[in-house]
């Protein structure tokens, strides 16, 4: 599994890296602009991300805008959102407005921080992105 962790907080990035590293390659971006650039490069190289863990509150470009741009990049490559990378919002924002906006922009899951390992793994199982058995 190839993952992109998009998080401006070091502790949040570190935690997600620790949780996802046993399942494959993990890349990081510290804001939405970096994330969209990484997503574009991976698509163009023919090695798209299987999973993106995307924070909402970030400098330069927030997670909502990054999500919309990532899905737009997939459209340009004729990749339907259900066949593209799985994008999970990993954020402190659990209010209905943010949750609804994320799902309307075609996120695949929503986890409120602190991210619980068992909930993350359960969601990854549901989304069928895990490439190996749980450690």
C-alpha atoms as a PDB file:
ATOM      1  CA  UNK A   1       0.000   0.000   0.000  1.00  0.00           C
ATOM      2  CA  UNK A   2       1.328   3.395  -0.983  1.00  0.00           C
ATOM      3  CA  UNK A   3       0.172   6.133   1.412  1.00  0.00           C
ATOM      4  CA  UNK A   4       0.320   9.918   1.537  1.00  0.00           C
ATOM      5  CA  UNK A   5      -0.007  11.492   4.973  1.00  0.00           C
ATOM      6  CA  UNK A   6      -1.040  15.140   4.785  1.00  0.00           C
ATOM      7  CA  UNK A   7      -0.636  16.773   8.171  1.00  0.00           C
ATOM      8  CA  UNK A   8       0.949  20.052   9.285  1.00  0.00           C
ATOM      9  CA  UNK A   9       1.479  18.859  12.880  1.00  0.00           C
ATOM     10  CA  UNK A  10       4.635  16.802  13.468  1.00  0.00           C
ATOM     11  CA  UNK A  11       3.042  14.597  16.133  1.00  0.00           C
ATOM     12  CA  UNK A  12       0.063  13.809  13.922  1.00  0.00           C
ATOM     13  CA  UNK A  13       2.348  12.957  10.982  1.00  0.00           C
ATOM     14  CA  UNK A  14       4.539  10.764  13.164  1.00  0.00           C
ATOM     15  CA  UNK A  15       1.568   8.856  14.618  1.00  0.00           C
ATOM     16  CA  UNK A  16       0.072   8.126  11.196  1.00  0.00           C
ATOM     17  CA  UNK A  17       3.465   7.082   9.811  1.00  0.00           C
ATOM     18  CA  UNK A  18       3.910   4.653  12.702  1.00  0.00           C
ATOM     19  CA  UNK A  19       0.441   3.195  12.130  1.00  0.00           C
ATOM     20  CA  UNK A  20       0.769   2.863   8.337  1.00  0.00           C
ATOM     21  CA  UNK A  21       4.465   1.934   7.881  1.00  0.00           C
ATOM     22  CA  UNK A  22       3.887  -1.823   8.397  1.00  0.00           C
ATOM     23  CA  UNK A  23       1.588  -1.798   5.350  1.00  0.00           C
ATOM     24  CA  UNK A  24       3.900  -0.179   2.844  1.00  0.00           C
ATOM     25  CA  UNK A  25       5.437   2.995   1.538  1.00  0.00           C
ATOM     26  CA  UNK A  26       4.510   6.250   3.369  1.00  0.00           C
ATOM     27  CA  UNK A  27       5.069   9.738   1.996  1.00  0.00           C
ATOM     28  CA  UNK A  28       4.281  12.978   3.817  1.00  0.00           C
ATOM     29  CA  UNK A  29       3.114  16.467   2.893  1.00  0.00           C
ATOM     30  CA  UNK A  30       2.786  19.338   5.354  1.00  0.00           C
ATOM     31  CA  UNK A  31       0.013  21.257   3.591  1.00  0.00           C
ATOM     32  CA  UNK A  32      -2.601  20.907   0.890  1.00  0.00           C
ATOM     33  CA  UNK A  33      -0.442  22.402  -1.869  1.00  0.00           C
ATOM     34  CA  UNK A  34       2.313  19.858  -1.287  1.00  0.00           C
ATOM     35  CA  UNK A  35      -0.288  17.103  -1.142  1.00  0.00           C
ATOM     36  CA  UNK A  36      -1.861  18.032  -4.468  1.00  0.00           C
ATOM     37  CA  UNK A  37       1.587  18.249  -6.084  1.00  0.00           C
ATOM     38  CA  UNK A  38       2.534  14.806  -4.726  1.00  0.00           C
ATOM     39  CA  UNK A  39      -0.806  13.345  -5.828  1.00  0.00           C
ATOM     40  CA  UNK A  40      -0.355  14.785  -9.333  1.00  0.00           C
ATOM     41  CA  UNK A  41       3.198  13.428  -9.636  1.00  0.00           C
ATOM     42  CA  UNK A  42       2.111   9.961  -8.488  1.00  0.00           C
ATOM     43  CA  UNK A  43      -0.764   9.880 -10.995  1.00  0.00           C
ATOM     44  CA  UNK A  44       1.462  11.081 -13.830  1.00  0.00           C
ATOM     45  CA  UNK A  45       4.115   8.493 -12.974  1.00  0.00           C
ATOM     46  CA  UNK A  46       1.502   5.730 -13.113  1.00  0.00           C
ATOM     47  CA  UNK A  47       2.055   4.927  -9.418  1.00  0.00           C
ATOM     48  CA  UNK A  48      -0.943   6.563  -7.716  1.00  0.00           C
ATOM     49  CA  UNK A  49      -1.494   6.563  -3.985  1.00  0.00           C
ATOM     50  CA  UNK A  50      -3.681   3.817  -2.579  1.00  0.00           C
ATOM     51  CA  UNK A  51      -4.450   5.911   0.499  1.00  0.00           C
ATOM     52  CA  UNK A  52      -4.362   9.563   1.501  1.00  0.00           C
ATOM     53  CA  UNK A  53      -4.853  10.605   5.123  1.00  0.00           C
ATOM     54  CA  UNK A  54      -5.821  14.259   4.852  1.00  0.00           C
ATOM     55  CA  UNK A  55      -6.052  16.833   7.631  1.00  0.00           C
ATOM     56  CA  UNK A  56      -8.483  19.719   7.138  1.00  0.00           C
ATOM     57  CA  UNK A  57      -6.918  22.612   9.055  1.00  0.00           C
ATOM     58  CA  UNK A  58      -3.605  23.369   7.334  1.00  0.00           C
ATOM     59  CA  UNK A  59      -1.750  26.424   6.072  1.00  0.00           C
ATOM     60  CA  UNK A  60      -1.626  27.440   2.385  1.00  0.00           C
ATOM     61  CA  UNK A  61      -4.450  25.088   1.275  1.00  0.00           C
ATOM     62  CA  UNK A  62      -6.881  23.327   3.598  1.00  0.00           C
ATOM     63  CA  UNK A  63      -7.916  19.705   3.315  1.00  0.00           C
ATOM     64  CA  UNK A  64     -11.289  20.432   1.738  1.00  0.00           C
ATOM     65  CA  UNK A  65      -9.669  22.264  -1.173  1.00  0.00           C
ATOM     66  CA  UNK A  66      -6.916  19.650  -1.497  1.00  0.00           C
ATOM     67  CA  UNK A  67      -9.543  16.889  -1.645  1.00  0.00           C
ATOM     68  CA  UNK A  68     -11.422  18.677  -4.429  1.00  0.00           C
ATOM     69  CA  UNK A  69      -8.206  19.195  -6.406  1.00  0.00           C
ATOM     70  CA  UNK A  70      -7.135  15.561  -5.992  1.00  0.00           C
ATOM     71  CA  UNK A  71     -10.485  14.328  -7.290  1.00  0.00           C
ATOM     72  CA  UNK A  72     -10.255  16.810 -10.184  1.00  0.00           C
ATOM     73  CA  UNK A  73      -6.817  15.403 -11.071  1.00  0.00           C
ATOM     74  CA  UNK A  74      -8.302  11.919 -11.153  1.00  0.00           C
ATOM     75  CA  UNK A  75     -11.078  13.120 -13.456  1.00  0.00           C
ATOM     76  CA  UNK A  76      -8.493  14.547 -15.853  1.00  0.00           C
ATOM     77  CA  UNK A  77      -6.943  11.054 -16.003  1.00  0.00           C
ATOM     78  CA  UNK A  78     -10.413   9.498 -16.476  1.00  0.00           C
ATOM     79  CA  UNK A  79     -10.213   7.817 -13.064  1.00  0.00           C
ATOM     80  CA  UNK A  80     -13.609   7.641 -11.336  1.00  0.00           C
ATOM     81  CA  UNK A  81     -13.455   8.535  -7.630  1.00  0.00           C
ATOM     82  CA  UNK A  82     -14.572   5.016  -6.697  1.00  0.00           C
ATOM     83  CA  UNK A  83     -11.556   3.623  -8.589  1.00  0.00           C
ATOM     84  CA  UNK A  84      -9.054   6.260  -7.450  1.00  0.00           C
ATOM     85  CA  UNK A  85      -7.076   6.626  -4.272  1.00  0.00           C
ATOM     86  CA  UNK A  86      -8.926   6.210  -1.017  1.00  0.00           C
ATOM     87  CA  UNK A  87      -8.955   9.574   0.764  1.00  0.00           C
ATOM     88  CA  UNK A  88      -9.664   9.624   4.484  1.00  0.00           C
ATOM     89  CA  UNK A  89     -10.069  12.887   6.354  1.00  0.00           C
ATOM     90  CA  UNK A  90      -8.068  12.722   9.598  1.00  0.00           C
ATOM     91  CA  UNK A  91      -8.961  15.860  11.500  1.00  0.00           C
ATOM     92  CA  UNK A  92      -9.901  17.402  14.833  1.00  0.00           C
ATOM     93  CA  UNK A  93     -13.075  18.759  13.222  1.00  0.00           C
ATOM     94  CA  UNK A  94     -15.989  16.444  13.901  1.00  0.00           C
ATOM     95  CA  UNK A  95     -18.866  18.843  13.251  1.00  0.00           C
ATOM     96  CA  UNK A  96     -21.565  18.002  10.728  1.00  0.00           C
ATOM     97  CA  UNK A  97     -20.639  20.905   8.417  1.00  0.00           C
ATOM     98  CA  UNK A  98     -17.077  19.644   7.883  1.00  0.00           C
ATOM     99  CA  UNK A  99     -18.083  15.987   7.701  1.00  0.00           C
ATOM    100  CA  UNK A 100     -20.780  16.753   5.110  1.00  0.00           C
ATOM    101  CA  UNK A 101     -18.458  18.964   3.052  1.00  0.00           C
ATOM    102  CA  UNK A 102     -15.826  16.226   2.965  1.00  0.00           C
ATOM    103  CA  UNK A 103     -18.248  13.537   1.820  1.00  0.00           C
ATOM    104  CA  UNK A 104     -19.761  15.892  -0.769  1.00  0.00           C
ATOM    105  CA  UNK A 105     -16.236  16.352  -2.154  1.00  0.00           C
ATOM    106  CA  UNK A 106     -15.965  12.539  -2.375  1.00  0.00           C
ATOM    107  CA  UNK A 107     -13.809  11.552   0.572  1.00  0.00           C
ATOM    108  CA  UNK A 108     -13.957   7.844   1.394  1.00  0.00           C
ATOM    109  CA  UNK A 109     -13.819   8.068   5.171  1.00  0.00           C
ATOM    110  CA  UNK A 110     -13.652  10.458   8.095  1.00  0.00           C
ATOM    111  CA  UNK A 111     -11.766   9.918  11.365  1.00  0.00           C
ATOM    112  CA  UNK A 112     -11.669  12.446  14.190  1.00  0.00           C
ATOM    113  CA  UNK A 113      -8.339  12.890  15.985  1.00  0.00           C
ATOM    114  CA  UNK A 114      -6.773  11.447  17.908  1.00  0.00           C
ATOM    115  CA  UNK A 115      -6.793   8.685  15.314  1.00  0.00           C
ATOM    116  CA  UNK A 116      -7.520   5.356  16.937  1.00  0.00           C
ATOM    117  CA  UNK A 117      -5.493   2.489  15.438  1.00  0.00           C
ATOM    118  CA  UNK A 118      -8.343  -0.035  15.526  1.00  0.00           C
ATOM    119  CA  UNK A 119     -10.788   2.395  13.865  1.00  0.00           C
ATOM    120  CA  UNK A 120      -8.211   3.249  11.195  1.00  0.00           C
ATOM    121  CA  UNK A 121      -7.510  -0.417  10.436  1.00  0.00           C
ATOM    122  CA  UNK A 122     -11.218  -1.218  10.381  1.00  0.00           C
ATOM    123  CA  UNK A 123     -11.800   1.587   7.865  1.00  0.00           C
ATOM    124  CA  UNK A 124      -8.848   0.449   5.731  1.00  0.00           C
ATOM    125  CA  UNK A 125     -10.307  -3.072   5.708  1.00  0.00           C
ATOM    126  CA  UNK A 126     -13.704  -1.720   4.644  1.00  0.00           C
ATOM    127  CA  UNK A 127     -12.069   0.313   1.864  1.00  0.00           C
ATOM    128  CA  UNK A 128     -10.022  -2.736   0.790  1.00  0.00           C
ATOM    129  CA  UNK A 129      -6.682  -0.924   0.725  1.00  0.00           C
ATOM    130  CA  UNK A 130      -4.677  -3.169   3.049  1.00  0.00           C
ATOM    131  CA  UNK A 131      -2.199  -5.299   1.110  1.00  0.00           C
ATOM    132  CA  UNK A 132      -1.172  -7.593   3.926  1.00  0.00           C
ATOM    133  CA  UNK A 133      -2.521  -9.053   7.135  1.00  0.00           C
ATOM    134  CA  UNK A 134      -2.553  -6.891  10.241  1.00  0.00           C
ATOM    135  CA  UNK A 135       0.683  -7.124  12.194  1.00  0.00           C
END
